[in-house]
Amino acid sequence: MGGVDLCDQEMSYYPTLRKQQGKYYIKIFRQFLDQSLWNAYVLYKKQNPTYNIKLLEFRLRMVEENIQKYSDRDNYSGPGRPSSTPNPLRLTARHFESHIQSVEKIAEHRDPFKK
């Protein structure tokens, strides 16, 4: 039972199931997806014992590889008018977090009597 307990423990760290999920089949799909990712992770660790990779990092790599493999925007013909550019920058660019000034620094420069 150690493998089952470990699987449940690891899958509880990054839950994808939600209590207020509307459709039952989405819960089932997400459970199958979680279980298949866990099985792939176990097989990967068994074949590559020298690599020390965490489950979250493995899941993120799988997502990134699937996006790279299946995100072919050229063959997509969705509803609506065709795009004027083949790959708009907003769909292909990676978005990174940026530094936001703290409230104290902004409050220092503000004159309370000016409008």
PDB file of N, CA and C in Angstrom:
ATOM      1  N   MET A   1       0.818  -1.204   0.000  1.00  0.00           N
ATOM      2  CA  MET A   1       0.000   0.000   0.000  1.00  0.00           C
ATOM      3  C   MET A   1       0.855   1.259   0.000  1.00  0.00           C
ATOM      4  N   GLY A   2       2.182   1.125   0.129  1.00  0.00           N
ATOM      5  CA  GLY A   2       3.037   2.297   0.188  1.00  0.00           C
ATOM      6  C   GLY A   2       2.994   3.113  -1.088  1.00  0.00           C
ATOM      7  N   GLY A   3       2.900   2.436  -2.248  1.00  0.00           N
ATOM      8  CA  GLY A   3       2.850   3.166  -3.512  1.00  0.00           C
ATOM      9  C   GLY A   3       1.566   3.951  -3.679  1.00  0.00           C
ATOM     10  N   VAL A   4       0.461   3.378  -3.227  1.00  0.00           N
ATOM     11  CA  VAL A   4      -0.825   4.069  -3.339  1.00  0.00           C
ATOM     12  C   VAL A   4      -0.853   5.287  -2.427  1.00  0.00           C
ATOM     13  N   ASP A   5      -0.353   5.124  -1.207  1.00  0.00           N
ATOM     14  CA  ASP A   5      -0.322   6.250  -0.274  1.00  0.00           C
ATOM     15  C   ASP A   5       0.577   7.365  -0.779  1.00  0.00           C
ATOM     16  N   LEU A   6       1.726   6.998  -1.354  1.00  0.00           N
ATOM     17  CA  LEU A   6       2.648   7.995  -1.883  1.00  0.00           C
ATOM     18  C   LEU A   6       2.021   8.725  -3.067  1.00  0.00           C
ATOM     19  N   CYS A   7       1.313   7.991  -3.903  1.00  0.00           N
ATOM     20  CA  CYS A   7       0.625   8.607  -5.045  1.00  0.00           C
ATOM     21  C   CYS A   7      -0.419   9.609  -4.567  1.00  0.00           C
ATOM     22  N   ASP A   8      -1.231   9.210  -3.617  1.00  0.00           N
ATOM     23  CA  ASP A   8      -2.254  10.120  -3.083  1.00  0.00           C
ATOM     24  C   ASP A   8      -1.627  11.345  -2.427  1.00  0.00           C
ATOM     25  N   GLN A   9      -0.525  11.119  -1.707  1.00  0.00           N
ATOM     26  CA  GLN A   9       0.146  12.231  -1.042  1.00  0.00           C
ATOM     27  C   GLN A   9       0.709  13.210  -2.066  1.00  0.00           C
ATOM     28  N   GLU A  10       1.418  12.715  -3.071  1.00  0.00           N
ATOM     29  CA  GLU A  10       2.020  13.589  -4.082  1.00  0.00           C
ATOM     30  C   GLU A  10       0.952  14.319  -4.899  1.00  0.00           C
ATOM     31  N   MET A  11      -0.140  13.639  -5.219  1.00  0.00           N
ATOM     32  CA  MET A  11      -1.190  14.275  -6.017  1.00  0.00           C
ATOM     33  C   MET A  11      -1.956  15.309  -5.201  1.00  0.00           C
ATOM     34  N   SER A  12      -1.940  15.197  -3.877  1.00  0.00           N
ATOM     35  CA  SER A  12      -2.633  16.186  -3.056  1.00  0.00           C
ATOM     36  C   SER A  12      -1.867  17.507  -2.981  1.00  0.00           C
ATOM     37  N   TYR A  13      -0.574  17.494  -3.309  1.00  0.00           N
ATOM     38  CA  TYR A  13       0.210  18.730  -3.278  1.00  0.00           C
ATOM     39  C   TYR A  13      -0.205  19.695  -4.382  1.00  0.00           C
ATOM     40  N   TYR A  14      -0.596  19.171  -5.529  1.00  0.00           N
ATOM     41  CA  TYR A  14      -0.965  20.001  -6.678  1.00  0.00           C
ATOM     42  C   TYR A  14      -2.340  19.575  -7.188  1.00  0.00           C
ATOM     43  N   PRO A  15      -3.392  19.889  -6.452  1.00  0.00           N
ATOM     44  CA  PRO A  15      -4.723  19.402  -6.843  1.00  0.00           C
ATOM     45  C   PRO A  15      -5.259  20.132  -8.074  1.00  0.00           C
ATOM     46  N   THR A  16      -5.862  19.378  -8.961  1.00  0.00           N
ATOM     47  CA  THR A  16      -6.535  19.978 -10.113  1.00  0.00           C
ATOM     48  C   THR A  16      -8.042  19.824  -9.993  1.00  0.00           C
ATOM     49  N   LEU A  17      -8.491  18.979  -9.077  1.00  0.00           N
ATOM     50  CA  LEU A  17      -9.930  18.808  -8.889  1.00  0.00           C
ATOM     51  C   LEU A  17     -10.477  19.946  -8.041  1.00  0.00           C
ATOM     52  N   ARG A  18     -11.666  20.369  -8.372  1.00  0.00           N
ATOM     53  CA  ARG A  18     -12.319  21.444  -7.628  1.00  0.00           C
ATOM     54  C   ARG A  18     -13.635  20.916  -7.068  1.00  0.00           C
ATOM     55  N   LYS A  19     -14.019  21.410  -5.894  1.00  0.00           N
ATOM     56  CA  LYS A  19     -15.273  20.965  -5.288  1.00  0.00           C
ATOM     57  C   LYS A  19     -16.474  21.467  -6.073  1.00  0.00           C
ATOM     58  N   GLN A  20     -16.394  22.668  -6.605  1.00  0.00           N
ATOM     59  CA  GLN A  20     -17.531  23.272  -7.299  1.00  0.00           C
ATOM     60  C   GLN A  20     -17.452  23.080  -8.811  1.00  0.00           C
ATOM     61  N   GLN A  21     -16.846  21.988  -9.251  1.00  0.00           N
ATOM     62  CA  GLN A  21     -16.768  21.716 -10.686  1.00  0.00           C
ATOM     63  C   GLN A  21     -18.160  21.380 -11.194  1.00  0.00           C
ATOM     64  N   GLY A  22     -18.562  22.001 -12.299  1.00  0.00           N
ATOM     65  CA  GLY A  22     -19.923  21.862 -12.785  1.00  0.00           C
ATOM     66  C   GLY A  22     -20.244  20.491 -13.348  1.00  0.00           C
ATOM     67  N   LYS A  23     -19.413  19.991 -14.216  1.00  0.00           N
ATOM     68  CA  LYS A  23     -19.711  18.738 -14.905  1.00  0.00           C
ATOM     69  C   LYS A  23     -18.898  17.597 -14.309  1.00  0.00           C
ATOM     70  N   TYR A  24     -19.535  16.459 -14.128  1.00  0.00           N
ATOM     71  CA  TYR A  24     -18.859  15.323 -13.522  1.00  0.00           C
ATOM     72  C   TYR A  24     -17.771  14.766 -14.423  1.00  0.00           C
ATOM     73  N   TYR A  25     -17.962  14.839 -15.742  1.00  0.00           N
ATOM     74  CA  TYR A  25     -16.981  14.250 -16.643  1.00  0.00           C
ATOM     75  C   TYR A  25     -15.689  15.059 -16.681  1.00  0.00           C
ATOM     76  N   ILE A  26     -15.733  16.329 -16.310  1.00  0.00           N
ATOM     77  CA  ILE A  26     -14.502  17.118 -16.231  1.00  0.00           C
ATOM     78  C   ILE A  26     -13.688  16.657 -15.024  1.00  0.00           C
ATOM     79  N   LYS A  27     -14.367  16.338 -13.923  1.00  0.00           N
ATOM     80  CA  LYS A  27     -13.667  15.796 -12.756  1.00  0.00           C
ATOM     81  C   LYS A  27     -12.986  14.474 -13.104  1.00  0.00           C
ATOM     82  N   ILE A  28     -13.712  13.626 -13.826  1.00  0.00           N
ATOM     83  CA  ILE A  28     -13.154  12.326 -14.208  1.00  0.00           C
ATOM     84  C   ILE A  28     -11.950  12.518 -15.122  1.00  0.00           C
ATOM     85  N   PHE A  29     -12.065  13.423 -16.101  1.00  0.00           N
ATOM     86  CA  PHE A  29     -10.954  13.684 -17.013  1.00  0.00           C
ATOM     87  C   PHE A  29      -9.733  14.190 -16.256  1.00  0.00           C
ATOM     88  N   ARG A  30      -9.940  15.116 -15.333  1.00  0.00           N
ATOM     89  CA  ARG A  30      -8.807  15.662 -14.575  1.00  0.00           C
ATOM     90  C   ARG A  30      -8.171  14.597 -13.687  1.00  0.00           C
ATOM     91  N   GLN A  31      -8.988  13.721 -13.130  1.00  0.00           N
ATOM     92  CA  GLN A  31      -8.443  12.638 -12.310  1.00  0.00           C
ATOM     93  C   GLN A  31      -7.606  11.692 -13.166  1.00  0.00           C
ATOM     94  N   PHE A  32      -8.094  11.351 -14.362  1.00  0.00           N
ATOM     95  CA  PHE A  32      -7.318  10.508 -15.278  1.00  0.00           C
ATOM     96  C   PHE A  32      -6.022  11.201 -15.692  1.00  0.00           C
ATOM     97  N   LEU A  33      -6.093  12.493 -15.933  1.00  0.00           N
ATOM     98  CA  LEU A  33      -4.906  13.248 -16.323  1.00  0.00           C
ATOM     99  C   LEU A  33      -3.881  13.266 -15.188  1.00  0.00           C
ATOM    100  N   ASP A  34      -4.332  13.514 -13.970  1.00  0.00           N
ATOM    101  CA  ASP A  34      -3.424  13.491 -12.817  1.00  0.00           C
ATOM    102  C   ASP A  34      -2.786  12.119 -12.643  1.00  0.00           C
ATOM    103  N   GLN A  35      -3.602  11.085 -12.751  1.00  0.00           N
ATOM    104  CA  GLN A  35      -3.086   9.733 -12.561  1.00  0.00           C
ATOM    105  C   GLN A  35      -2.100   9.359 -13.660  1.00  0.00           C
ATOM    106  N   SER A  36      -2.386   9.741 -14.897  1.00  0.00           N
ATOM    107  CA  SER A  36      -1.463   9.417 -15.987  1.00  0.00           C
ATOM    108  C   SER A  36      -0.151  10.192 -15.851  1.00  0.00           C
ATOM    109  N   LEU A  37      -0.217  11.443 -15.377  1.00  0.00           N
ATOM    110  CA  LEU A  37       1.019  12.189 -15.135  1.00  0.00           C
ATOM    111  C   LEU A  37       1.828  11.555 -14.006  1.00  0.00           C
ATOM    112  N   TRP A  38       1.147  11.078 -12.979  1.00  0.00           N
ATOM    113  CA  TRP A  38       1.853  10.404 -11.889  1.00  0.00           C
ATOM    114  C   TRP A  38       2.530   9.132 -12.393  1.00  0.00           C
ATOM    115  N   ASN A  39       1.807   8.341 -13.204  1.00  0.00           N
ATOM    116  CA  ASN A  39       2.385   7.112 -13.741  1.00  0.00           C
ATOM    117  C   ASN A  39       3.594   7.413 -14.626  1.00  0.00           C
ATOM    118  N   ALA A  40       3.492   8.462 -15.452  1.00  0.00           N
ATOM    119  CA  ALA A  40       4.618   8.852 -16.302  1.00  0.00           C
ATOM    120  C   ALA A  40       5.801   9.304 -15.451  1.00  0.00           C
ATOM    121  N   TYR A  41       5.523  10.006 -14.364  1.00  0.00           N
ATOM    122  CA  TYR A  41       6.578  10.469 -13.455  1.00  0.00           C
ATOM    123  C   TYR A  41       7.292   9.284 -12.806  1.00  0.00           C
ATOM    124  N   VAL A  42       6.539   8.304 -12.364  1.00  0.00           N
ATOM    125  CA  VAL A  42       7.136   7.122 -11.738  1.00  0.00           C
ATOM    126  C   VAL A  42       8.001   6.376 -12.748  1.00  0.00           C
ATOM    127  N   LEU A  43       7.507   6.202 -13.974  1.00  0.00           N
ATOM    128  CA  LEU A  43       8.295   5.521 -15.002  1.00  0.00           C
ATOM    129  C   LEU A  43       9.553   6.310 -15.354  1.00  0.00           C
ATOM    130  N   TYR A  44       9.441   7.622 -15.416  1.00  0.00           N
ATOM    131  CA  TYR A  44      10.599   8.466 -15.721  1.00  0.00           C
ATOM    132  C   TYR A  44      11.665   8.337 -14.637  1.00  0.00           C
ATOM    133  N   LYS A  45      11.237   8.358 -13.372  1.00  0.00           N
ATOM    134  CA  LYS A  45      12.202   8.230 -12.275  1.00  0.00           C
ATOM    135  C   LYS A  45      12.825   6.836 -12.241  1.00  0.00           C
ATOM    136  N   LYS A  46      12.066   5.830 -12.648  1.00  0.00           N
ATOM    137  CA  LYS A  46      12.601   4.472 -12.659  1.00  0.00           C
ATOM    138  C   LYS A  46      13.639   4.305 -13.771  1.00  0.00           C
ATOM    139  N   GLN A  47      13.401   4.941 -14.925  1.00  0.00           N
ATOM    140  CA  GLN A  47      14.348   4.834 -16.039  1.00  0.00           C
ATOM    141  C   GLN A  47      15.549   5.756 -15.868  1.00  0.00           C
ATOM    142  N   ASN A  48      15.383   6.863 -15.161  1.00  0.00           N
ATOM    143  CA  ASN A  48      16.459   7.838 -14.963  1.00  0.00           C
ATOM    144  C   ASN A  48      16.679   8.074 -13.471  1.00  0.00           C
ATOM    145  N   PRO A  49      17.292   7.131 -12.769  1.00  0.00           N
ATOM    146  CA  PRO A  49      17.437   7.296 -11.316  1.00  0.00           C
ATOM    147  C   PRO A  49      18.433   8.387 -10.923  1.00  0.00           C
ATOM    148  N   THR A  50      19.304   8.800 -11.837  1.00  0.00           N
ATOM    149  CA  THR A  50      20.296   9.823 -11.485  1.00  0.00           C
ATOM    150  C   THR A  50      19.700  11.220 -11.484  1.00  0.00           C
ATOM    151  N   TYR A  51      18.605  11.428 -12.221  1.00  0.00           N
ATOM    152  CA  TYR A  51      17.974  12.748 -12.258  1.00  0.00           C
ATOM    153  C   TYR A  51      17.072  12.914 -11.046  1.00  0.00           C
ATOM    154  N   ASN A  52      17.298  13.969 -10.299  1.00  0.00           N
ATOM    155  CA  ASN A  52      16.467  14.256  -9.132  1.00  0.00           C
ATOM    156  C   ASN A  52      15.504  15.374  -9.518  1.00  0.00           C
ATOM    157  N   ILE A  53      14.334  15.014  -9.975  1.00  0.00           N
ATOM    158  CA  ILE A  53      13.348  15.982 -10.452  1.00  0.00           C
ATOM    159  C   ILE A  53      12.092  15.851  -9.599  1.00  0.00           C
ATOM    160  N   LYS A  54      11.514  16.969  -9.241  1.00  0.00           N
ATOM    161  CA  LYS A  54      10.287  16.984  -8.443  1.00  0.00           C
ATOM    162  C   LYS A  54       9.076  16.806  -9.355  1.00  0.00           C
ATOM    163  N   LEU A  55       7.967  16.412  -8.762  1.00  0.00           N
ATOM    164  CA  LEU A  55       6.745  16.179  -9.526  1.00  0.00           C
ATOM    165  C   LEU A  55       6.260  17.455 -10.197  1.00  0.00           C
ATOM    166  N   LEU A  56       6.324  18.579  -9.507  1.00  0.00           N
ATOM    167  CA  LEU A  56       5.863  19.836 -10.094  1.00  0.00           C
ATOM    168  C   LEU A  56       6.696  20.212 -11.312  1.00  0.00           C
ATOM    169  N   GLU A  57       8.011  20.067 -11.212  1.00  0.00           N
ATOM    170  CA  GLU A  57       8.880  20.377 -12.349  1.00  0.00           C
ATOM    171  C   GLU A  57       8.587  19.438 -13.518  1.00  0.00           C
ATOM    172  N   PHE A  58       8.341  18.166 -13.223  1.00  0.00           N
ATOM    173  CA  PHE A  58       8.002  17.202 -14.266  1.00  0.00           C
ATOM    174  C   PHE A  58       6.697  17.589 -14.958  1.00  0.00           C
ATOM    175  N   ARG A  59       5.698  17.984 -14.171  1.00  0.00           N
ATOM    176  CA  ARG A  59       4.413  18.384 -14.751  1.00  0.00           C
ATOM    177  C   ARG A  59       4.562  19.623 -15.627  1.00  0.00           C
ATOM    178  N   LEU A  60       5.353  20.591 -15.157  1.00  0.00           N
ATOM    179  CA  LEU A  60       5.570  21.803 -15.946  1.00  0.00           C
ATOM    180  C   LEU A  60       6.294  21.498 -17.252  1.00  0.00           C
ATOM    181  N   ARG A  61       7.274  20.606 -17.201  1.00  0.00           N
ATOM    182  CA  ARG A  61       7.967  20.208 -18.438  1.00  0.00           C
ATOM    183  C   ARG A  61       7.013  19.536 -19.413  1.00  0.00           C
ATOM    184  N   MET A  62       6.149  18.680 -18.896  1.00  0.00           N
ATOM    185  CA  MET A  62       5.184  18.000 -19.767  1.00  0.00           C
ATOM    186  C   MET A  62       4.252  19.006 -20.428  1.00  0.00           C
ATOM    187  N   VAL A  63       3.797  19.989 -19.675  1.00  0.00           N
ATOM    188  CA  VAL A  63       2.910  21.013 -20.232  1.00  0.00           C
ATOM    189  C   VAL A  63       3.634  21.810 -21.307  1.00  0.00           C
ATOM    190  N   GLU A  64       4.866  22.228 -21.023  1.00  0.00           N
ATOM    191  CA  GLU A  64       5.621  23.015 -21.998  1.00  0.00           C
ATOM    192  C   GLU A  64       5.887  22.224 -23.268  1.00  0.00           C
ATOM    193  N   GLU A  65       6.243  20.943 -23.134  1.00  0.00           N
ATOM    194  CA  GLU A  65       6.498  20.125 -24.316  1.00  0.00           C
ATOM    195  C   GLU A  65       5.225  19.910 -25.129  1.00  0.00           C
ATOM    196  N   ASN A  66       4.103  19.710 -24.464  1.00  0.00           N
ATOM    197  CA  ASN A  66       2.851  19.543 -25.199  1.00  0.00           C
ATOM    198  C   ASN A  66       2.443  20.821 -25.908  1.00  0.00           C
ATOM    199  N   ILE A  67       2.676  21.964 -25.285  1.00  0.00           N
ATOM    200  CA  ILE A  67       2.363  23.234 -25.944  1.00  0.00           C
ATOM    201  C   ILE A  67       3.237  23.414 -27.169  1.00  0.00           C
ATOM    202  N   GLN A  68       4.529  23.118 -27.050  1.00  0.00           N
ATOM    203  CA  GLN A  68       5.421  23.251 -28.195  1.00  0.00           C
ATOM    204  C   GLN A  68       5.039  22.285 -29.306  1.00  0.00           C
ATOM    205  N   LYS A  69       4.645  21.088 -28.939  1.00  0.00           N
ATOM    206  CA  LYS A  69       4.345  20.075 -29.947  1.00  0.00           C
ATOM    207  C   LYS A  69       3.011  20.331 -30.650  1.00  0.00           C
ATOM    208  N   TYR A  70       2.004  20.754 -29.910  1.00  0.00           N
ATOM    209  CA  TYR A  70       0.661  20.839 -30.469  1.00  0.00           C
ATOM    210  C   TYR A  70       0.151  22.260 -30.696  1.00  0.00           C
ATOM    211  N   SER A  71       0.966  23.272 -30.472  1.00  0.00           N
ATOM    212  CA  SER A  71       0.480  24.637 -30.680  1.00  0.00           C
ATOM    213  C   SER A  71       0.864  25.127 -32.069  1.00  0.00           C
ATOM    214  N   ASP A  72       0.318  24.510 -33.071  1.00  0.00           N
ATOM    215  CA  ASP A  72       0.568  24.902 -34.456  1.00  0.00           C
ATOM    216  C   ASP A  72      -0.530  25.867 -34.873  1.00  0.00           C
ATOM    217  N   ARG A  73      -0.252  27.155 -34.783  1.00  0.00           N
ATOM    218  CA  ARG A  73      -1.257  28.180 -35.067  1.00  0.00           C
ATOM    219  C   ARG A  73      -1.515  28.337 -36.565  1.00  0.00           C
ATOM    220  N   ASP A  74      -0.615  27.867 -37.427  1.00  0.00           N
ATOM    221  CA  ASP A  74      -0.801  28.046 -38.864  1.00  0.00           C
ATOM    222  C   ASP A  74      -1.957  27.206 -39.397  1.00  0.00           C
ATOM    223  N   ASN A  75      -2.167  26.025 -38.837  1.00  0.00           N
ATOM    224  CA  ASN A  75      -3.213  25.137 -39.329  1.00  0.00           C
ATOM    225  C   ASN A  75      -4.558  25.363 -38.646  1.00  0.00           C
ATOM    226  N   TYR A  76      -4.622  26.288 -37.721  1.00  0.00           N
ATOM    227  CA  TYR A  76      -5.860  26.544 -36.995  1.00  0.00           C
ATOM    228  C   TYR A  76      -6.749  27.469 -37.809  1.00  0.00           C
ATOM    229  N   SER A  77      -7.955  27.030 -38.065  1.00  0.00           N
ATOM    230  CA  SER A  77      -8.919  27.886 -38.761  1.00  0.00           C
ATOM    231  C   SER A  77     -10.182  27.934 -37.913  1.00  0.00           C
ATOM    232  N   GLY A  78     -10.195  28.844 -36.973  1.00  0.00           N
ATOM    233  CA  GLY A  78     -11.320  28.984 -36.067  1.00  0.00           C
ATOM    234  C   GLY A  78     -12.384  29.879 -36.651  1.00  0.00           C
ATOM    235  N   PRO A  79     -13.450  30.094 -35.922  1.00  0.00           N
ATOM    236  CA  PRO A  79     -14.523  30.951 -36.403  1.00  0.00           C
ATOM    237  C   PRO A  79     -14.082  32.407 -36.445  1.00  0.00           C
ATOM    238  N   GLY A  80     -14.701  33.164 -37.290  1.00  0.00           N
ATOM    239  CA  GLY A  80     -14.404  34.591 -37.372  1.00  0.00           C
ATOM    240  C   GLY A  80     -13.485  34.927 -38.528  1.00  0.00           C
ATOM    241  N   ARG A  81     -13.138  36.181 -38.601  1.00  0.00           N
ATOM    242  CA  ARG A  81     -12.300  36.676 -39.679  1.00  0.00           C
ATOM    243  C   ARG A  81     -10.864  36.190 -39.486  1.00  0.00           C
ATOM    244  N   PRO A  82     -10.178  35.834 -40.568  1.00  0.00           N
ATOM    245  CA  PRO A  82      -8.789  35.397 -40.435  1.00  0.00           C
ATOM    246  C   PRO A  82      -7.898  36.535 -39.945  1.00  0.00           C
ATOM    247  N   SER A  83      -6.853  36.181 -39.245  1.00  0.00           N
ATOM    248  CA  SER A  83      -5.934  37.164 -38.698  1.00  0.00           C
ATOM    249  C   SER A  83      -5.099  37.785 -39.805  1.00  0.00           C
ATOM    250  N   SER A  84      -4.736  39.053 -39.624  1.00  0.00           N
ATOM    251  CA  SER A  84      -3.915  39.725 -40.628  1.00  0.00           C
ATOM    252  C   SER A  84      -2.460  39.290 -40.532  1.00  0.00           C
ATOM    253  N   THR A  85      -2.023  38.841 -39.365  1.00  0.00           N
ATOM    254  CA  THR A  85      -0.667  38.332 -39.203  1.00  0.00           C
ATOM    255  C   THR A  85      -0.747  36.855 -38.853  1.00  0.00           C
ATOM    256  N   PRO A  86       0.225  36.063 -39.294  1.00  0.00           N
ATOM    257  CA  PRO A  86       0.132  34.624 -39.030  1.00  0.00           C
ATOM    258  C   PRO A  86       0.201  34.264 -37.547  1.00  0.00           C
ATOM    259  N   ASN A  87       1.092  34.884 -36.799  1.00  0.00           N
ATOM    260  CA  ASN A  87       1.225  34.609 -35.368  1.00  0.00           C
ATOM    261  C   ASN A  87       1.287  35.925 -34.615  1.00  0.00           C
ATOM    262  N   PRO A  88       0.178  36.393 -34.090  1.00  0.00           N
ATOM    263  CA  PRO A  88       0.236  37.644 -33.329  1.00  0.00           C
ATOM    264  C   PRO A  88       1.169  37.502 -32.134  1.00  0.00           C
ATOM    265  N   LEU A  89       1.874  38.559 -31.833  1.00  0.00           N
ATOM    266  CA  LEU A  89       2.848  38.535 -30.748  1.00  0.00           C
ATOM    267  C   LEU A  89       2.190  38.214 -29.411  1.00  0.00           C
ATOM    268  N   ARG A  90       0.955  38.642 -29.224  1.00  0.00           N
ATOM    269  CA  ARG A  90       0.293  38.392 -27.947  1.00  0.00           C
ATOM    270  C   ARG A  90      -0.002  36.915 -27.726  1.00  0.00           C
ATOM    271  N   LEU A  91      -0.024  36.114 -28.799  1.00  0.00           N
ATOM    272  CA  LEU A  91      -0.302  34.692 -28.651  1.00  0.00           C
ATOM    273  C   LEU A  91       0.969  33.860 -28.549  1.00  0.00           C
ATOM    274  N   THR A  92       2.087  34.382 -29.013  1.00  0.00           N
ATOM    275  CA  THR A  92       3.314  33.594 -29.013  1.00  0.00           C
ATOM    276  C   THR A  92       4.331  34.077 -27.996  1.00  0.00           C
ATOM    277  N   ALA A  93       4.226  35.313 -27.538  1.00  0.00           N
ATOM    278  CA  ALA A  93       5.222  35.848 -26.605  1.00  0.00           C
ATOM    279  C   ALA A  93       5.019  35.259 -25.221  1.00  0.00           C
ATOM    280  N   ARG A  94       6.097  35.124 -24.513  1.00  0.00           N
ATOM    281  CA  ARG A  94       6.016  34.647 -23.139  1.00  0.00           C
ATOM    282  C   ARG A  94       5.868  35.849 -22.230  1.00  0.00           C
ATOM    283  N   HIS A  95       5.044  35.731 -21.250  1.00  0.00           N
ATOM    284  CA  HIS A  95       4.783  36.835 -20.344  1.00  0.00           C
ATOM    285  C   HIS A  95       5.505  36.578 -19.029  1.00  0.00           C
ATOM    286  N   PHE A  96       6.295  37.556 -18.632  1.00  0.00           N
ATOM    287  CA  PHE A  96       7.048  37.437 -17.400  1.00  0.00           C
ATOM    288  C   PHE A  96       6.575  38.494 -16.423  1.00  0.00           C
ATOM    289  N   GLU A  97       6.742  38.196 -15.168  1.00  0.00           N
ATOM    290  CA  GLU A  97       6.326  39.156 -14.156  1.00  0.00           C
ATOM    291  C   GLU A  97       7.303  40.324 -14.139  1.00  0.00           C
ATOM    292  N   SER A  98       6.812  41.472 -13.775  1.00  0.00           N
ATOM    293  CA  SER A  98       7.664  42.654 -13.699  1.00  0.00           C
ATOM    294  C   SER A  98       7.563  43.243 -12.296  1.00  0.00           C
ATOM    295  N   HIS A  99       8.563  44.015 -11.940  1.00  0.00           N
ATOM    296  CA  HIS A  99       8.633  44.602 -10.603  1.00  0.00           C
ATOM    297  C   HIS A  99       7.677  45.786 -10.512  1.00  0.00           C
ATOM    298  N   ILE A 100       6.885  45.826  -9.462  1.00  0.00           N
ATOM    299  CA  ILE A 100       5.954  46.926  -9.221  1.00  0.00           C
ATOM    300  C   ILE A 100       6.442  47.670  -7.988  1.00  0.00           C
ATOM    301  N   GLN A 101       6.442  49.010  -8.066  1.00  0.00           N
ATOM    302  CA  GLN A 101       6.898  49.802  -6.933  1.00  0.00           C
ATOM    303  C   GLN A 101       5.997  49.567  -5.725  1.00  0.00           C
ATOM    304  N   SER A 102       6.613  49.641  -4.564  1.00  0.00           N
ATOM    305  CA  SER A 102       5.817  49.471  -3.357  1.00  0.00           C
ATOM    306  C   SER A 102       4.994  50.730  -3.105  1.00  0.00           C
ATOM    307  N   VAL A 103       3.962  50.601  -2.309  1.00  0.00           N
ATOM    308  CA  VAL A 103       3.041  51.703  -2.042  1.00  0.00           C
ATOM    309  C   VAL A 103       3.744  52.823  -1.280  1.00  0.00           C
ATOM    310  N   GLU A 104       4.691  52.472  -0.410  1.00  0.00           N
ATOM    311  CA  GLU A 104       5.381  53.495   0.372  1.00  0.00           C
ATOM    312  C   GLU A 104       6.161  54.448  -0.529  1.00  0.00           C
ATOM    313  N   LYS A 105       6.842  53.921  -1.537  1.00  0.00           N
ATOM    314  CA  LYS A 105       7.629  54.768  -2.430  1.00  0.00           C
ATOM    315  C   LYS A 105       6.729  55.675  -3.257  1.00  0.00           C
ATOM    316  N   ILE A 106       5.601  55.181  -3.658  1.00  0.00           N
ATOM    317  CA  ILE A 106       4.667  56.002  -4.428  1.00  0.00           C
ATOM    318  C   ILE A 106       4.094  57.094  -3.529  1.00  0.00           C
ATOM    319  N   ALA A 107       3.783  56.755  -2.286  1.00  0.00           N
ATOM    320  CA  ALA A 107       3.195  57.725  -1.366  1.00  0.00           C
ATOM    321  C   ALA A 107       4.185  58.829  -1.006  1.00  0.00           C
ATOM    322  N   GLU A 108       5.484  58.554  -1.017  1.00  0.00           N
ATOM    323  CA  GLU A 108       6.483  59.573  -0.705  1.00  0.00           C
ATOM    324  C   GLU A 108       6.485  60.700  -1.733  1.00  0.00           C
ATOM    325  N   HIS A 109       6.283  60.369  -2.988  1.00  0.00           N
ATOM    326  CA  HIS A 109       6.382  61.340  -4.068  1.00  0.00           C
ATOM    327  C   HIS A 109       5.076  62.080  -4.320  1.00  0.00           C
ATOM    328  N   ARG A 110       4.026  61.700  -3.692  1.00  0.00           N
ATOM    329  CA  ARG A 110       2.729  62.302  -3.938  1.00  0.00           C
ATOM    330  C   ARG A 110       2.485  63.458  -2.967  1.00  0.00           C
ATOM    331  N   ASP A 111       2.054  64.604  -3.503  1.00  0.00           N
ATOM    332  CA  ASP A 111       1.720  65.764  -2.675  1.00  0.00           C
ATOM    333  C   ASP A 111       0.232  65.670  -2.343  1.00  0.00           C
ATOM    334  N   PRO A 112      -0.148  65.567  -1.075  1.00  0.00           N
ATOM    335  CA  PRO A 112      -1.561  65.364  -0.738  1.00  0.00           C
ATOM    336  C   PRO A 112      -2.434  66.577  -1.031  1.00  0.00           C
ATOM    337  N   PHE A 113      -1.830  67.769  -1.208  1.00  0.00           N
ATOM    338  CA  PHE A 113      -2.628  68.970  -1.434  1.00  0.00           C
ATOM    339  C   PHE A 113      -2.814  69.284  -2.911  1.00  0.00           C
ATOM    340  N   LYS A 114      -2.082  68.611  -3.783  1.00  0.00           N
ATOM    341  CA  LYS A 114      -2.247  68.823  -5.225  1.00  0.00           C
ATOM    342  C   LYS A 114      -3.327  67.902  -5.750  1.00  0.00           C
ATOM    343  N   LYS A 115      -4.034  68.390  -6.749  1.00  0.00           N
ATOM    344  CA  LYS A 115      -5.054  67.549  -7.379  1.00  0.00           C
ATOM    345  C   LYS A 115      -4.578  67.075  -8.710  1.00  0.00           C
TER     346      LYS A 115
END
